[in-house]
Each structure stands twice: as C-alpha cells, then as structure tokens.
N, C-alpha and C. Protein backbone atom coordinates (compact mmCIF):
# COMPACT_ATOMS: atom_id res chain seq x y z
N MET A 1 -14.51 -5.71 -14.63
CA MET A 1 -14.39 -6.92 -13.84
C MET A 1 -14.33 -6.55 -12.36
N SER A 2 -14.92 -7.37 -11.53
CA SER A 2 -14.92 -7.13 -10.09
C SER A 2 -13.49 -7.23 -9.54
N ALA A 3 -13.18 -6.39 -8.56
CA ALA A 3 -11.85 -6.40 -7.95
C ALA A 3 -11.59 -7.73 -7.25
N ASP A 4 -12.61 -8.27 -6.59
CA ASP A 4 -12.46 -9.56 -5.91
C ASP A 4 -12.13 -10.66 -6.92
N LYS A 5 -12.79 -10.67 -8.07
CA LYS A 5 -12.52 -11.65 -9.13
C LYS A 5 -11.13 -11.42 -9.72
N ARG A 6 -10.75 -10.16 -9.85
CA ARG A 6 -9.44 -9.83 -10.41
C ARG A 6 -8.33 -10.37 -9.52
N LEU A 7 -8.47 -10.25 -8.20
CA LEU A 7 -7.48 -10.82 -7.28
C LEU A 7 -7.35 -12.32 -7.51
N GLU A 8 -8.49 -12.97 -7.64
CA GLU A 8 -8.50 -14.42 -7.87
C GLU A 8 -7.81 -14.75 -9.19
N GLU A 9 -8.13 -13.99 -10.24
CA GLU A 9 -7.53 -14.20 -11.55
C GLU A 9 -6.02 -14.01 -11.51
N LEU A 10 -5.55 -13.04 -10.73
CA LEU A 10 -4.11 -12.77 -10.61
C LEU A 10 -3.41 -13.75 -9.67
N GLY A 11 -4.18 -14.59 -8.99
CA GLY A 11 -3.60 -15.54 -8.04
C GLY A 11 -3.08 -14.89 -6.78
N ILE A 12 -3.70 -13.77 -6.41
CA ILE A 12 -3.25 -13.02 -5.23
C ILE A 12 -4.10 -13.40 -4.02
N GLU A 13 -3.43 -13.85 -2.98
CA GLU A 13 -4.08 -14.10 -1.69
C GLU A 13 -3.66 -12.98 -0.74
N LEU A 14 -4.64 -12.32 -0.16
CA LEU A 14 -4.32 -11.22 0.74
C LEU A 14 -3.92 -11.74 2.10
N PRO A 15 -2.99 -11.03 2.77
CA PRO A 15 -2.63 -11.41 4.14
C PRO A 15 -3.77 -11.05 5.09
N ALA A 16 -3.61 -11.41 6.34
CA ALA A 16 -4.58 -11.00 7.36
C ALA A 16 -4.57 -9.48 7.45
N ALA A 17 -5.73 -8.91 7.71
CA ALA A 17 -5.83 -7.46 7.86
C ALA A 17 -5.01 -6.99 9.06
N ALA A 18 -4.41 -5.82 8.90
CA ALA A 18 -3.58 -5.23 9.96
C ALA A 18 -4.43 -4.90 11.18
N THR A 19 -3.80 -4.98 12.34
CA THR A 19 -4.43 -4.51 13.57
C THR A 19 -3.57 -3.36 14.11
N PRO A 20 -4.18 -2.36 14.69
CA PRO A 20 -3.42 -1.21 15.18
C PRO A 20 -2.39 -1.62 16.25
N VAL A 21 -1.24 -0.96 16.22
CA VAL A 21 -0.21 -1.19 17.22
C VAL A 21 -0.13 -0.01 18.19
N GLY A 22 -1.15 0.83 18.17
CA GLY A 22 -1.20 2.00 19.05
C GLY A 22 -2.63 2.45 19.20
N ASN A 23 -2.80 3.66 19.64
CA ASN A 23 -4.12 4.23 19.91
C ASN A 23 -4.67 4.91 18.65
N TYR A 24 -5.04 4.10 17.66
CA TYR A 24 -5.60 4.59 16.40
C TYR A 24 -6.39 3.47 15.76
N VAL A 25 -7.06 3.78 14.66
CA VAL A 25 -7.78 2.77 13.88
C VAL A 25 -7.14 2.68 12.50
N THR A 26 -7.37 1.58 11.81
CA THR A 26 -6.73 1.39 10.51
C THR A 26 -7.42 2.14 9.39
N THR A 27 -8.71 2.44 9.56
CA THR A 27 -9.45 3.21 8.55
C THR A 27 -10.43 4.15 9.24
N VAL A 28 -10.69 5.26 8.56
CA VAL A 28 -11.74 6.19 8.99
C VAL A 28 -12.55 6.53 7.74
N GLN A 29 -13.87 6.42 7.88
CA GLN A 29 -14.76 6.78 6.77
C GLN A 29 -15.45 8.10 7.09
N THR A 30 -15.46 8.99 6.12
CA THR A 30 -16.24 10.20 6.21
C THR A 30 -16.95 10.37 4.86
N GLY A 31 -18.25 10.36 4.89
CA GLY A 31 -19.01 10.38 3.64
C GLY A 31 -18.67 9.15 2.82
N ASN A 32 -18.31 9.36 1.56
CA ASN A 32 -17.95 8.22 0.70
C ASN A 32 -16.44 8.08 0.53
N LEU A 33 -15.68 8.64 1.48
CA LEU A 33 -14.22 8.51 1.45
C LEU A 33 -13.73 7.68 2.63
N ILE A 34 -12.74 6.84 2.35
CA ILE A 34 -12.05 6.06 3.38
C ILE A 34 -10.60 6.54 3.40
N PHE A 35 -10.12 6.84 4.59
CA PHE A 35 -8.72 7.21 4.80
C PHE A 35 -8.06 6.07 5.57
N THR A 36 -6.93 5.58 5.07
CA THR A 36 -6.22 4.53 5.81
C THR A 36 -5.12 5.14 6.65
N SER A 37 -4.82 4.47 7.74
CA SER A 37 -3.61 4.79 8.48
C SER A 37 -2.43 4.30 7.66
N GLY A 38 -1.25 4.76 8.00
CA GLY A 38 -0.06 4.27 7.32
C GLY A 38 0.11 2.78 7.54
N HIS A 39 0.44 2.07 6.48
CA HIS A 39 0.67 0.63 6.53
C HIS A 39 2.09 0.33 6.08
N GLY A 40 2.69 -0.65 6.71
CA GLY A 40 3.99 -1.16 6.29
C GLY A 40 3.81 -2.53 5.66
N PRO A 41 4.91 -3.14 5.22
CA PRO A 41 4.84 -4.48 4.63
C PRO A 41 4.52 -5.51 5.70
N GLY A 42 3.81 -6.55 5.31
CA GLY A 42 3.46 -7.63 6.23
C GLY A 42 3.82 -8.96 5.64
N GLN A 43 3.52 -10.00 6.34
CA GLN A 43 3.80 -11.35 5.85
C GLN A 43 2.95 -11.65 4.64
N GLY A 44 3.44 -12.51 3.79
CA GLY A 44 2.68 -12.88 2.61
C GLY A 44 3.57 -13.04 1.40
N ASP A 45 3.45 -12.14 0.46
CA ASP A 45 4.06 -12.23 -0.86
C ASP A 45 5.54 -11.88 -0.82
N GLY A 46 6.42 -12.86 -0.63
CA GLY A 46 7.86 -12.64 -0.70
C GLY A 46 8.49 -12.34 0.64
N PRO A 47 9.82 -12.11 0.63
CA PRO A 47 10.54 -11.86 1.88
C PRO A 47 10.15 -10.52 2.51
N LEU A 48 10.30 -10.45 3.81
CA LEU A 48 10.03 -9.21 4.53
C LEU A 48 11.36 -8.48 4.72
N TYR A 49 11.53 -7.39 3.97
CA TYR A 49 12.78 -6.64 4.00
C TYR A 49 12.76 -5.62 5.13
N LYS A 50 13.97 -5.28 5.59
CA LYS A 50 14.17 -4.22 6.59
C LYS A 50 15.32 -3.36 6.11
N GLY A 51 15.27 -2.07 6.42
CA GLY A 51 16.39 -1.20 6.14
C GLY A 51 16.09 -0.09 5.15
N GLN A 52 17.13 0.67 4.86
CA GLN A 52 17.02 1.81 3.95
C GLN A 52 17.25 1.40 2.51
N VAL A 53 16.39 1.93 1.63
CA VAL A 53 16.60 1.73 0.21
C VAL A 53 17.76 2.64 -0.22
N GLY A 54 18.68 2.08 -0.95
CA GLY A 54 19.86 2.83 -1.38
C GLY A 54 21.07 2.56 -0.50
N THR A 55 20.85 1.98 0.67
CA THR A 55 21.95 1.56 1.54
C THR A 55 21.88 0.06 1.74
N ASP A 56 20.79 -0.41 2.35
CA ASP A 56 20.61 -1.83 2.68
C ASP A 56 19.86 -2.59 1.59
N LEU A 57 19.03 -1.87 0.85
CA LEU A 57 18.14 -2.51 -0.13
C LEU A 57 18.27 -1.86 -1.50
N THR A 58 18.02 -2.66 -2.53
CA THR A 58 18.00 -2.15 -3.90
C THR A 58 16.63 -1.54 -4.20
N ILE A 59 16.55 -0.84 -5.32
CA ILE A 59 15.26 -0.31 -5.77
C ILE A 59 14.27 -1.46 -5.95
N GLU A 60 14.73 -2.58 -6.50
CA GLU A 60 13.84 -3.73 -6.73
C GLU A 60 13.31 -4.30 -5.42
N GLU A 61 14.14 -4.36 -4.40
CA GLU A 61 13.69 -4.84 -3.09
C GLU A 61 12.72 -3.85 -2.46
N GLY A 62 12.97 -2.55 -2.66
CA GLY A 62 12.04 -1.53 -2.18
C GLY A 62 10.70 -1.65 -2.89
N TYR A 63 10.72 -1.86 -4.20
CA TYR A 63 9.51 -2.05 -5.00
C TYR A 63 8.72 -3.26 -4.47
N ALA A 64 9.42 -4.37 -4.22
CA ALA A 64 8.76 -5.57 -3.69
C ALA A 64 8.13 -5.28 -2.33
N SER A 65 8.82 -4.51 -1.49
CA SER A 65 8.26 -4.13 -0.19
C SER A 65 7.02 -3.26 -0.36
N ALA A 66 7.07 -2.34 -1.31
CA ALA A 66 5.92 -1.47 -1.56
C ALA A 66 4.73 -2.30 -2.03
N ARG A 67 4.98 -3.30 -2.85
CA ARG A 67 3.89 -4.18 -3.30
C ARG A 67 3.28 -4.91 -2.10
N GLN A 68 4.13 -5.38 -1.18
CA GLN A 68 3.63 -6.03 0.04
C GLN A 68 2.74 -5.07 0.83
N VAL A 69 3.16 -3.82 0.92
CA VAL A 69 2.35 -2.82 1.61
C VAL A 69 0.99 -2.71 0.94
N GLY A 70 1.00 -2.69 -0.39
CA GLY A 70 -0.26 -2.63 -1.14
C GLY A 70 -1.18 -3.79 -0.81
N LEU A 71 -0.62 -4.99 -0.69
CA LEU A 71 -1.43 -6.16 -0.33
C LEU A 71 -2.03 -6.00 1.06
N CYS A 72 -1.24 -5.46 1.99
CA CYS A 72 -1.74 -5.22 3.34
C CYS A 72 -2.86 -4.18 3.33
N LEU A 73 -2.71 -3.14 2.54
CA LEU A 73 -3.76 -2.12 2.42
C LEU A 73 -5.04 -2.72 1.84
N LEU A 74 -4.91 -3.57 0.82
CA LEU A 74 -6.09 -4.21 0.24
C LEU A 74 -6.77 -5.12 1.26
N ALA A 75 -5.99 -5.82 2.08
CA ALA A 75 -6.57 -6.66 3.13
C ALA A 75 -7.34 -5.82 4.14
N THR A 76 -6.79 -4.68 4.51
CA THR A 76 -7.47 -3.79 5.45
C THR A 76 -8.76 -3.26 4.84
N LEU A 77 -8.72 -2.88 3.56
CA LEU A 77 -9.92 -2.38 2.90
C LEU A 77 -10.98 -3.47 2.78
N GLN A 78 -10.55 -4.67 2.43
CA GLN A 78 -11.52 -5.77 2.32
C GLN A 78 -12.16 -6.04 3.67
N ASN A 79 -11.38 -5.98 4.73
CA ASN A 79 -11.91 -6.19 6.08
C ASN A 79 -12.90 -5.09 6.46
N ALA A 80 -12.57 -3.86 6.11
CA ALA A 80 -13.43 -2.72 6.48
C ALA A 80 -14.71 -2.65 5.64
N LEU A 81 -14.61 -3.03 4.37
CA LEU A 81 -15.73 -2.86 3.44
C LEU A 81 -16.52 -4.14 3.18
N GLY A 82 -15.95 -5.29 3.51
CA GLY A 82 -16.61 -6.55 3.21
C GLY A 82 -16.26 -7.07 1.83
N SER A 83 -15.96 -6.18 0.90
CA SER A 83 -15.61 -6.54 -0.47
C SER A 83 -14.87 -5.39 -1.12
N LEU A 84 -13.83 -5.71 -1.86
CA LEU A 84 -13.12 -4.67 -2.61
C LEU A 84 -13.95 -4.13 -3.75
N ASP A 85 -15.04 -4.80 -4.08
CA ASP A 85 -15.93 -4.32 -5.13
C ASP A 85 -16.62 -3.01 -4.75
N ARG A 86 -16.58 -2.65 -3.48
CA ARG A 86 -17.16 -1.37 -3.04
C ARG A 86 -16.23 -0.19 -3.36
N VAL A 87 -14.98 -0.47 -3.72
CA VAL A 87 -14.04 0.59 -4.06
C VAL A 87 -14.45 1.17 -5.41
N LYS A 88 -14.73 2.47 -5.40
CA LYS A 88 -15.08 3.16 -6.64
C LYS A 88 -13.83 3.71 -7.32
N ARG A 89 -12.90 4.23 -6.49
CA ARG A 89 -11.71 4.88 -7.04
C ARG A 89 -10.64 5.00 -5.96
N ILE A 90 -9.40 4.74 -6.32
CA ILE A 90 -8.28 5.10 -5.45
C ILE A 90 -7.99 6.56 -5.76
N VAL A 91 -8.14 7.42 -4.78
CA VAL A 91 -8.04 8.86 -5.00
C VAL A 91 -6.61 9.36 -4.82
N LYS A 92 -5.97 8.98 -3.71
CA LYS A 92 -4.67 9.55 -3.36
C LYS A 92 -3.84 8.49 -2.65
N LEU A 93 -2.56 8.46 -2.97
CA LEU A 93 -1.60 7.58 -2.33
C LEU A 93 -0.44 8.45 -1.85
N VAL A 94 -0.04 8.26 -0.61
CA VAL A 94 1.16 8.90 -0.09
C VAL A 94 2.11 7.80 0.33
N GLY A 95 3.30 7.77 -0.31
CA GLY A 95 4.29 6.74 -0.01
C GLY A 95 5.52 7.34 0.63
N PHE A 96 5.93 6.75 1.73
CA PHE A 96 7.13 7.17 2.47
C PHE A 96 8.18 6.07 2.29
N VAL A 97 9.35 6.45 1.84
CA VAL A 97 10.41 5.47 1.59
C VAL A 97 11.57 5.74 2.54
N ASN A 98 11.96 4.73 3.30
CA ASN A 98 13.12 4.78 4.18
C ASN A 98 14.35 4.84 3.27
N SER A 99 14.93 6.02 3.13
CA SER A 99 15.91 6.28 2.08
C SER A 99 17.27 6.69 2.61
N ALA A 100 18.30 6.21 1.92
CA ALA A 100 19.65 6.72 2.16
C ALA A 100 19.65 8.21 1.81
N PRO A 101 20.51 9.01 2.45
CA PRO A 101 20.51 10.46 2.20
C PRO A 101 20.65 10.85 0.73
N SER A 102 21.38 10.08 -0.04
CA SER A 102 21.58 10.45 -1.44
C SER A 102 20.59 9.75 -2.39
N PHE A 103 19.68 8.94 -1.86
CA PHE A 103 18.75 8.19 -2.71
C PHE A 103 17.65 9.12 -3.22
N THR A 104 17.39 9.07 -4.54
CA THR A 104 16.41 9.97 -5.15
C THR A 104 15.36 9.24 -6.00
N GLU A 105 15.28 7.93 -5.89
CA GLU A 105 14.38 7.15 -6.73
C GLU A 105 13.13 6.67 -5.98
N GLN A 106 12.64 7.48 -5.04
CA GLN A 106 11.45 7.11 -4.29
C GLN A 106 10.26 6.77 -5.20
N PRO A 107 10.02 7.52 -6.29
CA PRO A 107 8.90 7.15 -7.16
C PRO A 107 8.99 5.73 -7.72
N ALA A 108 10.19 5.28 -8.05
CA ALA A 108 10.37 3.92 -8.58
C ALA A 108 10.01 2.87 -7.53
N VAL A 109 10.28 3.16 -6.27
CA VAL A 109 9.93 2.25 -5.18
C VAL A 109 8.42 2.22 -4.98
N VAL A 110 7.81 3.39 -4.89
CA VAL A 110 6.37 3.49 -4.62
C VAL A 110 5.54 2.93 -5.78
N ASN A 111 6.14 2.81 -6.96
CA ASN A 111 5.45 2.16 -8.07
C ASN A 111 5.00 0.74 -7.71
N GLY A 112 5.66 0.10 -6.75
CA GLY A 112 5.24 -1.23 -6.32
C GLY A 112 3.80 -1.26 -5.85
N VAL A 113 3.36 -0.22 -5.15
CA VAL A 113 1.97 -0.11 -4.71
C VAL A 113 1.09 0.36 -5.87
N SER A 114 1.53 1.39 -6.55
CA SER A 114 0.72 1.96 -7.64
C SER A 114 0.42 0.90 -8.71
N ASP A 115 1.43 0.13 -9.10
CA ASP A 115 1.22 -0.89 -10.12
C ASP A 115 0.21 -1.94 -9.65
N LEU A 116 0.30 -2.35 -8.39
CA LEU A 116 -0.65 -3.32 -7.84
C LEU A 116 -2.08 -2.78 -7.90
N LEU A 117 -2.28 -1.53 -7.50
CA LEU A 117 -3.62 -0.95 -7.49
C LEU A 117 -4.22 -0.89 -8.89
N VAL A 118 -3.39 -0.61 -9.89
CA VAL A 118 -3.88 -0.59 -11.27
C VAL A 118 -4.17 -2.02 -11.75
N GLU A 119 -3.35 -2.99 -11.34
CA GLU A 119 -3.62 -4.39 -11.69
C GLU A 119 -4.98 -4.83 -11.17
N VAL A 120 -5.30 -4.43 -9.95
CA VAL A 120 -6.54 -4.89 -9.30
C VAL A 120 -7.75 -4.08 -9.74
N PHE A 121 -7.62 -2.76 -9.83
CA PHE A 121 -8.78 -1.89 -10.07
C PHE A 121 -8.81 -1.29 -11.48
N GLY A 122 -7.83 -1.56 -12.31
CA GLY A 122 -7.80 -0.97 -13.65
C GLY A 122 -7.66 0.54 -13.55
N ASP A 123 -8.32 1.27 -14.44
CA ASP A 123 -8.21 2.73 -14.43
C ASP A 123 -8.70 3.35 -13.13
N ASP A 124 -9.59 2.68 -12.41
CA ASP A 124 -10.06 3.20 -11.12
C ASP A 124 -8.98 3.10 -10.05
N GLY A 125 -7.91 2.39 -10.34
CA GLY A 125 -6.78 2.31 -9.42
C GLY A 125 -5.74 3.40 -9.64
N ARG A 126 -5.88 4.16 -10.73
CA ARG A 126 -4.94 5.28 -10.97
C ARG A 126 -5.28 6.40 -10.00
N HIS A 127 -4.26 7.05 -9.48
CA HIS A 127 -4.45 7.95 -8.35
C HIS A 127 -3.46 9.11 -8.39
N ALA A 128 -3.80 10.15 -7.66
CA ALA A 128 -2.82 11.19 -7.37
C ALA A 128 -1.84 10.59 -6.36
N ARG A 129 -0.59 11.10 -6.34
CA ARG A 129 0.41 10.42 -5.52
C ARG A 129 1.52 11.34 -5.08
N SER A 130 2.03 11.07 -3.89
CA SER A 130 3.28 11.65 -3.42
C SER A 130 4.20 10.50 -3.03
N ALA A 131 5.48 10.62 -3.34
CA ALA A 131 6.49 9.62 -2.96
C ALA A 131 7.66 10.39 -2.36
N VAL A 132 7.85 10.23 -1.07
CA VAL A 132 8.86 11.03 -0.37
C VAL A 132 9.85 10.15 0.38
N GLY A 133 11.04 10.67 0.56
CA GLY A 133 12.08 9.97 1.30
C GLY A 133 12.08 10.38 2.76
N MET A 134 12.33 9.40 3.61
CA MET A 134 12.41 9.62 5.05
C MET A 134 13.74 9.05 5.53
N VAL A 135 14.29 9.64 6.58
CA VAL A 135 15.56 9.17 7.11
C VAL A 135 15.39 7.84 7.85
N GLN A 136 14.18 7.56 8.34
CA GLN A 136 13.90 6.31 9.03
C GLN A 136 12.40 6.13 9.11
N LEU A 137 11.95 4.88 9.18
CA LEU A 137 10.54 4.53 9.37
C LEU A 137 10.44 3.57 10.54
N PRO A 138 9.28 3.47 11.18
CA PRO A 138 9.12 2.59 12.35
C PRO A 138 9.58 1.15 12.05
N GLY A 139 10.32 0.58 12.99
CA GLY A 139 10.76 -0.81 12.85
C GLY A 139 11.72 -1.03 11.70
N SER A 140 12.28 0.04 11.15
CA SER A 140 13.20 -0.02 10.02
C SER A 140 12.56 -0.62 8.76
N ILE A 141 11.22 -0.45 8.65
CA ILE A 141 10.56 -0.91 7.43
C ILE A 141 11.00 -0.03 6.27
N PRO A 142 11.04 -0.56 5.05
CA PRO A 142 11.49 0.24 3.91
C PRO A 142 10.44 1.19 3.36
N VAL A 143 9.15 0.85 3.53
CA VAL A 143 8.08 1.62 2.89
C VAL A 143 6.87 1.68 3.81
N GLU A 144 6.24 2.85 3.86
CA GLU A 144 4.95 3.02 4.54
C GLU A 144 4.04 3.78 3.58
N VAL A 145 2.78 3.38 3.52
CA VAL A 145 1.85 3.99 2.56
C VAL A 145 0.51 4.24 3.24
N GLU A 146 -0.11 5.36 2.86
CA GLU A 146 -1.50 5.62 3.26
C GLU A 146 -2.30 5.96 2.00
N LEU A 147 -3.59 5.66 2.05
CA LEU A 147 -4.47 5.85 0.90
C LEU A 147 -5.71 6.66 1.28
N VAL A 148 -6.28 7.31 0.25
CA VAL A 148 -7.63 7.87 0.32
C VAL A 148 -8.41 7.16 -0.80
N ILE A 149 -9.55 6.58 -0.44
CA ILE A 149 -10.33 5.77 -1.37
C ILE A 149 -11.75 6.28 -1.40
N GLU A 150 -12.32 6.39 -2.60
CA GLU A 150 -13.75 6.69 -2.76
C GLU A 150 -14.49 5.36 -2.87
N ILE A 151 -15.60 5.25 -2.14
CA ILE A 151 -16.37 4.01 -2.17
C ILE A 151 -17.79 4.28 -2.67
N ASP A 152 -18.44 3.22 -3.15
CA ASP A 152 -19.85 3.29 -3.52
C ASP A 152 -20.68 3.27 -2.24
N GLY A 153 -21.80 3.95 -2.31
CA GLY A 153 -22.74 3.89 -1.18
C GLY A 153 -22.51 4.91 -0.17
C-alpha cells in the first residue's frame, strides 16, 4: 500500500514541514539517500511536552513526543520528495532523549518514532537505530531524531 494512502487510512494529518532555525537545511540528498537534520516535536498530534524524561516526563509522555517528532520528519520528507511514496526504505534512525541522569529507558521512548515509521511504511519502515540519553536538548525538548532514508529514483 502507498505510504500516502496509509497515512490517510490511519487518519494522520501531517503538520507543516519544519523550517531551519539556523544556518542549515532540513534535508540533504546524496545519490539515493536522504539525510535529515535533527527534528524535535512540533504542533499537531497531542500536547507539546518540554523537559527531561524521568524527571519532568513519564516514558509514555516521552513516547508521545517521539511520535510527534516522527510526524514532523514525515512532513519534512513529504515536502522534500513531493510524496512519501518515493521512500524505498528507512535505513537508520538516531534518537536523542533528554534524560534524567538515572534514566535508562531511552529505547522505550524512541519507539514512538520507530512504531510510527512501521505503521506508515510496513517492513520498509524497519531500520537500524540508536537511542541515546542527553543531559539537555535545545529548547528543553524531550526528543530529537534524525533519519537516513533510501528513496526511489
């Protein structure tokens, strides 16, 4: 099934594509690979959380934030590619979690993005992944994610 149709079937509306807040671009293409800049959660699906997971936020709130990040990444990809149907494979995901010093459940938080990608792309959404804890993220966002995507053409 087409990724664009799958979004419609899931009732998912993507937020507006991110715009850079500094001297960078949101995506870079080299050959048939697209690399995204780090994305944080944006407006759209649910509340916009701030703070550290394990101190200010629960794992579930971190997961919800990670899902929001995934929606923002999909919006950026759709903007860059014209259609998510051009995505051949999600290759790599790197997730950064704003974590309390003793928090060790970063993978459970980053599953919010991973689960969304599999919902939208099926087996082509399964990816290699890193999920790491950070002492702080810009603007006190709970999660930041970057992707490497293989595209058709």
